[in-house]
Amino acid sequence: MTFVRGSQKRENRKEVISDEEMDELLRRAEQHTHPFFRLRNKALLCLLRMVGKRRSEIAAVELDDVKIEGDGLFVTFTLRKKRKRQVLTTRRTKQLRPLDSKYVKPIVEYYNFISSLNPRPKYLFPRCWWSPAFAWNGIFKIDGDKHISGRQVFNIVRQVSDSVWPHLFRETVAANVVRSDPSIIGVFKVQRRLDLEDYRTGFNYLRRYAADVISAEETQVDVVGSE
């Protein structure tokens, strides 16, 4: 695996992830020398891109939280919010479809692979170890009772790009929603898509990513009729 190095800072980036950039991320993930990590890393990138969930929520998905029904892949996420001295837990299910689309198919392929392992891991993204230096000895281990950390999710993304990080996928999902519907309804679509507690956060995304659409509409003058 070739690690991409660079010094580009997050604050210097002004745009979300384009389809072309996403394709490049998947191409780089495909270059990993170990088949398990090729499948896992592509699935992780695609899941981030499709749902825009926080990295800790992605990391903690259990294998039983994933179901294939009809032409859809259903993934249930556990959201935990701290409230004073207690933690509130909410479950949210996202449907990804169709199964053969370019960002859903890698998730399905990885899910089928990880489900076939014996013993079957508890988590969709279990913790694992592998040393390329000893690959000929087959030193590869999966700890199915533990999942990768949010920091590991960050590191996996950074392995394929020095200008992309997990939260940028969340920004990308929100940007696509508000650009397709730069209205008050779009704000609530973002709230529901990202499972935001406060709808006002949706307005922040609207201001950032649909300002160009709104400005264009404001400057357009339609002539109804003339004499």
Protein backbone atom coordinates (compact mmCIF):
# COMPACT_ATOMS: atom_id res chain seq x y z
CA MET A 1 0.00 0.00 0.00
CA THR A 2 1.39 3.40 -0.93
CA PHE A 3 0.80 6.03 1.73
CA VAL A 4 0.04 9.48 0.39
CA ARG A 5 1.97 12.23 2.15
CA GLY A 6 1.46 15.96 2.04
CA SER A 7 1.05 19.12 4.06
CA GLN A 8 -2.30 20.39 2.83
CA LYS A 9 -4.30 21.59 5.83
CA ARG A 10 -8.03 21.05 6.26
CA GLU A 11 -8.77 24.74 6.47
CA ASN A 12 -7.26 25.24 3.01
CA ARG A 13 -9.85 22.99 1.42
CA LYS A 14 -12.92 24.83 0.10
CA GLU A 15 -14.83 22.05 -1.65
CA VAL A 16 -16.40 18.75 -0.65
CA ILE A 17 -15.62 15.39 -2.24
CA SER A 18 -16.54 15.19 -5.91
CA ASP A 19 -17.58 11.96 -7.66
CA GLU A 20 -14.25 11.97 -9.50
CA GLU A 21 -12.29 12.31 -6.26
CA MET A 22 -14.33 9.54 -4.65
CA ASP A 23 -13.51 7.25 -7.56
CA GLU A 24 -9.83 8.05 -7.07
CA LEU A 25 -10.06 7.22 -3.36
CA LEU A 26 -11.52 3.82 -4.22
CA ARG A 27 -8.83 3.24 -6.84
CA ARG A 28 -6.13 3.87 -4.25
CA ALA A 29 -7.85 1.62 -1.72
CA GLU A 30 -7.88 -1.12 -4.35
CA GLN A 31 -4.07 -1.05 -4.38
CA HIS A 32 -3.73 -2.54 -0.89
CA THR A 33 -1.74 -5.76 -1.05
CA HIS A 34 -3.96 -7.69 1.39
CA PRO A 35 -7.38 -8.84 0.07
CA PHE A 36 -9.19 -8.28 3.38
CA PHE A 37 -8.04 -4.69 3.68
CA ARG A 38 -8.90 -4.00 0.04
CA LEU A 39 -12.49 -5.07 0.68
CA ARG A 40 -12.74 -3.41 4.09
CA ASN A 41 -11.24 -0.07 3.13
CA LYS A 42 -13.42 0.31 0.03
CA ALA A 43 -16.53 -0.60 2.02
CA LEU A 44 -15.62 1.89 4.74
CA LEU A 45 -15.10 4.70 2.25
CA CYS A 46 -18.38 3.95 0.51
CA LEU A 47 -20.33 3.75 3.77
CA LEU A 48 -18.93 7.12 4.85
CA ARG A 49 -19.87 8.57 1.47
CA MET A 50 -23.39 7.17 1.44
CA VAL A 51 -24.56 7.97 4.97
CA GLY A 52 -22.32 10.79 6.24
CA LYS A 53 -22.25 9.31 9.74
CA ARG A 54 -19.67 10.22 12.37
CA ARG A 55 -16.62 7.98 12.42
CA SER A 56 -17.41 6.58 15.88
CA GLU A 57 -20.89 5.56 14.68
CA ILE A 58 -19.43 3.87 11.60
CA ALA A 59 -16.82 2.01 13.64
CA ALA A 60 -19.35 0.56 16.11
CA VAL A 61 -21.78 -0.97 13.58
CA GLU A 62 -22.44 -4.59 14.46
CA LEU A 63 -22.74 -7.28 11.80
CA ASP A 64 -26.33 -7.93 12.91
CA ASP A 65 -27.06 -4.24 12.26
CA VAL A 66 -26.71 -4.91 8.53
CA LYS A 67 -29.46 -6.56 6.49
CA ILE A 68 -30.05 -7.17 2.79
CA GLU A 69 -33.72 -7.10 1.86
CA GLY A 70 -34.95 -6.91 -1.70
CA ASP A 71 -32.89 -4.34 -3.59
CA GLY A 72 -31.76 -2.51 -0.46
CA LEU A 73 -28.99 -2.69 2.10
CA PHE A 74 -30.20 -1.63 5.55
CA VAL A 75 -27.66 -0.41 8.08
CA THR A 76 -28.67 0.53 11.63
CA PHE A 77 -26.48 2.99 13.52
CA THR A 78 -26.37 3.64 17.24
CA LEU A 79 -26.28 7.34 18.18
CA ARG A 80 -25.10 8.24 21.66
CA LYS A 81 -25.61 11.71 23.10
CA LYS A 82 -24.26 12.78 26.47
CA ARG A 83 -26.77 14.59 28.67
CA LYS A 84 -25.33 15.73 31.98
CA ARG A 85 -24.75 12.48 33.86
CA GLN A 86 -26.40 10.11 31.42
CA VAL A 87 -25.96 8.89 27.87
CA LEU A 88 -29.02 8.76 25.60
CA THR A 89 -29.00 6.07 22.94
CA THR A 90 -30.95 6.23 19.68
CA ARG A 91 -31.05 3.78 16.79
CA ARG A 92 -31.38 4.98 13.20
CA THR A 93 -31.64 2.78 10.10
CA LYS A 94 -30.48 3.91 6.66
CA GLN A 95 -31.47 2.23 3.41
CA LEU A 96 -28.84 2.11 0.67
CA ARG A 97 -29.92 1.16 -2.82
CA PRO A 98 -29.69 -0.23 -5.40
CA LEU A 99 -27.38 -3.03 -4.36
CA ASP A 100 -25.42 -2.95 -7.61
CA SER A 101 -24.70 0.82 -7.56
CA LYS A 102 -21.02 1.75 -7.47
CA TYR A 103 -20.99 2.95 -3.84
CA VAL A 104 -23.27 0.25 -2.41
CA LYS A 105 -21.78 -2.76 -4.19
CA PRO A 106 -18.40 -2.58 -2.34
CA ILE A 107 -20.26 -2.53 1.00
CA VAL A 108 -22.31 -5.58 -0.02
CA GLU A 109 -19.21 -7.46 -1.19
CA TYR A 110 -17.42 -6.80 2.08
CA TYR A 111 -20.50 -7.64 4.16
CA ASN A 112 -20.87 -11.00 2.39
CA PHE A 113 -17.20 -11.74 2.97
CA ILE A 114 -17.10 -10.81 6.65
CA SER A 115 -20.37 -12.70 7.28
CA SER A 116 -18.84 -15.89 5.86
CA LEU A 117 -15.96 -15.98 8.37
CA ASN A 118 -15.87 -18.66 11.04
CA PRO A 119 -16.09 -17.62 13.80
CA ARG A 120 -18.39 -14.85 12.69
CA PRO A 121 -17.25 -11.42 13.98
CA LYS A 122 -19.57 -9.37 16.13
CA TYR A 123 -18.75 -6.13 14.33
CA LEU A 124 -18.85 -5.09 10.70
CA PHE A 125 -15.40 -3.55 11.05
CA PRO A 126 -13.61 -5.77 13.59
CA ARG A 127 -10.21 -4.96 15.00
CA CYS A 128 -7.44 -6.83 13.20
CA TRP A 129 -3.68 -7.13 12.91
CA TRP A 130 -1.44 -7.82 9.94
CA SER A 131 2.27 -7.38 9.40
CA PRO A 132 3.39 -7.10 5.75
CA ALA A 133 6.90 -8.06 6.83
CA PHE A 134 5.63 -11.48 7.90
CA ALA A 135 2.90 -11.91 5.29
CA TRP A 136 4.51 -15.14 4.07
CA ASN A 137 3.87 -16.62 7.52
CA GLY A 138 0.20 -15.69 7.31
CA ILE A 139 0.31 -13.42 10.35
CA PHE A 140 -3.18 -11.98 10.16
CA LYS A 141 -5.63 -11.93 13.05
CA ILE A 142 -9.17 -10.66 13.52
CA ASP A 143 -10.55 -9.90 16.96
CA GLY A 144 -14.25 -10.26 16.24
CA ASP A 145 -15.31 -9.12 19.71
CA LYS A 146 -13.87 -5.63 19.30
CA HIS A 147 -14.38 -2.98 16.63
CA ILE A 148 -11.92 -0.52 15.16
CA SER A 149 -11.71 2.87 16.83
CA GLY A 150 -12.79 6.21 15.45
CA ARG A 151 -9.11 7.08 15.18
CA GLN A 152 -8.53 4.02 13.03
CA VAL A 153 -11.33 5.13 10.72
CA PHE A 154 -9.50 8.45 10.39
CA ASN A 155 -6.21 6.68 9.64
CA ILE A 156 -7.76 4.44 6.98
CA VAL A 157 -9.10 7.48 5.15
CA ARG A 158 -5.77 9.27 5.42
CA GLN A 159 -3.98 6.27 3.92
CA VAL A 160 -5.60 6.98 0.57
CA SER A 161 -5.55 10.80 0.66
CA ASP A 162 -3.89 13.58 2.62
CA SER A 163 -6.68 16.03 1.74
CA VAL A 164 -9.70 13.98 2.87
CA TRP A 165 -10.86 13.16 6.39
CA PRO A 166 -13.96 11.35 7.74
CA HIS A 167 -16.03 14.45 8.60
CA LEU A 168 -15.61 15.70 5.03
CA PHE A 169 -17.85 12.84 3.90
CA ARG A 170 -20.53 14.20 6.25
CA GLU A 171 -20.10 17.64 4.70
CA THR A 172 -20.36 16.08 1.23
CA VAL A 173 -23.65 14.34 1.98
CA ALA A 174 -25.12 17.55 3.39
CA ALA A 175 -23.85 19.59 0.43
CA ASN A 176 -25.47 17.23 -2.08
CA VAL A 177 -28.80 17.41 -0.25
CA VAL A 178 -29.01 21.21 -0.01
CA ARG A 179 -27.73 21.77 -3.54
CA SER A 180 -30.47 19.53 -4.90
CA ASP A 181 -33.05 21.35 -2.76
CA PRO A 182 -31.85 24.82 -1.61
CA SER A 183 -35.08 25.55 0.26
CA ILE A 184 -36.40 25.32 3.79
CA ILE A 185 -37.38 21.73 2.99
CA GLY A 186 -33.76 21.01 2.12
CA VAL A 187 -32.75 22.07 5.63
CA PHE A 188 -35.02 19.46 7.18
CA LYS A 189 -33.86 16.86 4.65
CA VAL A 190 -30.31 17.41 5.88
CA GLN A 191 -31.48 17.15 9.49
CA ARG A 192 -33.12 13.80 8.79
CA ARG A 193 -30.34 12.47 6.58
CA LEU A 194 -27.60 13.22 9.12
CA ASP A 195 -29.78 12.63 12.20
CA LEU A 196 -29.10 16.13 13.50
CA GLU A 197 -30.61 17.13 16.82
CA ASP A 198 -31.01 20.80 15.90
CA TYR A 199 -32.48 21.84 12.56
CA ARG A 200 -30.44 25.05 12.77
CA THR A 201 -27.36 23.03 11.91
CA GLY A 202 -29.07 22.32 8.60
CA PHE A 203 -29.20 26.05 7.94
CA ASN A 204 -25.43 26.20 8.39
CA TYR A 205 -25.01 23.63 5.64
CA LEU A 206 -27.46 25.54 3.47
CA ARG A 207 -25.50 28.74 3.93
CA ARG A 208 -22.19 27.05 3.10
CA TYR A 209 -23.12 24.82 0.19
CA ALA A 210 -26.20 26.30 -1.47
CA ALA A 211 -25.25 29.98 -1.38
CA ASP A 212 -24.17 29.89 -5.01
CA VAL A 213 -27.49 28.32 -6.06
CA ILE A 214 -29.50 30.83 -4.06
CA SER A 215 -27.49 33.78 -5.40
CA ALA A 216 -28.06 32.67 -8.98
CA GLU A 217 -31.80 32.44 -8.41
CA GLU A 218 -31.89 35.88 -6.77
CA THR A 219 -30.22 37.55 -9.75
CA GLN A 220 -32.47 35.92 -12.30
CA VAL A 221 -35.30 38.12 -13.57
CA ASP A 222 -38.19 36.52 -15.40
CA VAL A 223 -40.12 38.77 -17.80
CA VAL A 224 -43.77 37.83 -17.54
CA GLY A 225 -44.99 40.05 -20.33
CA SER A 226 -44.50 43.40 -22.08
CA GLU A 227 -46.45 45.79 -24.20
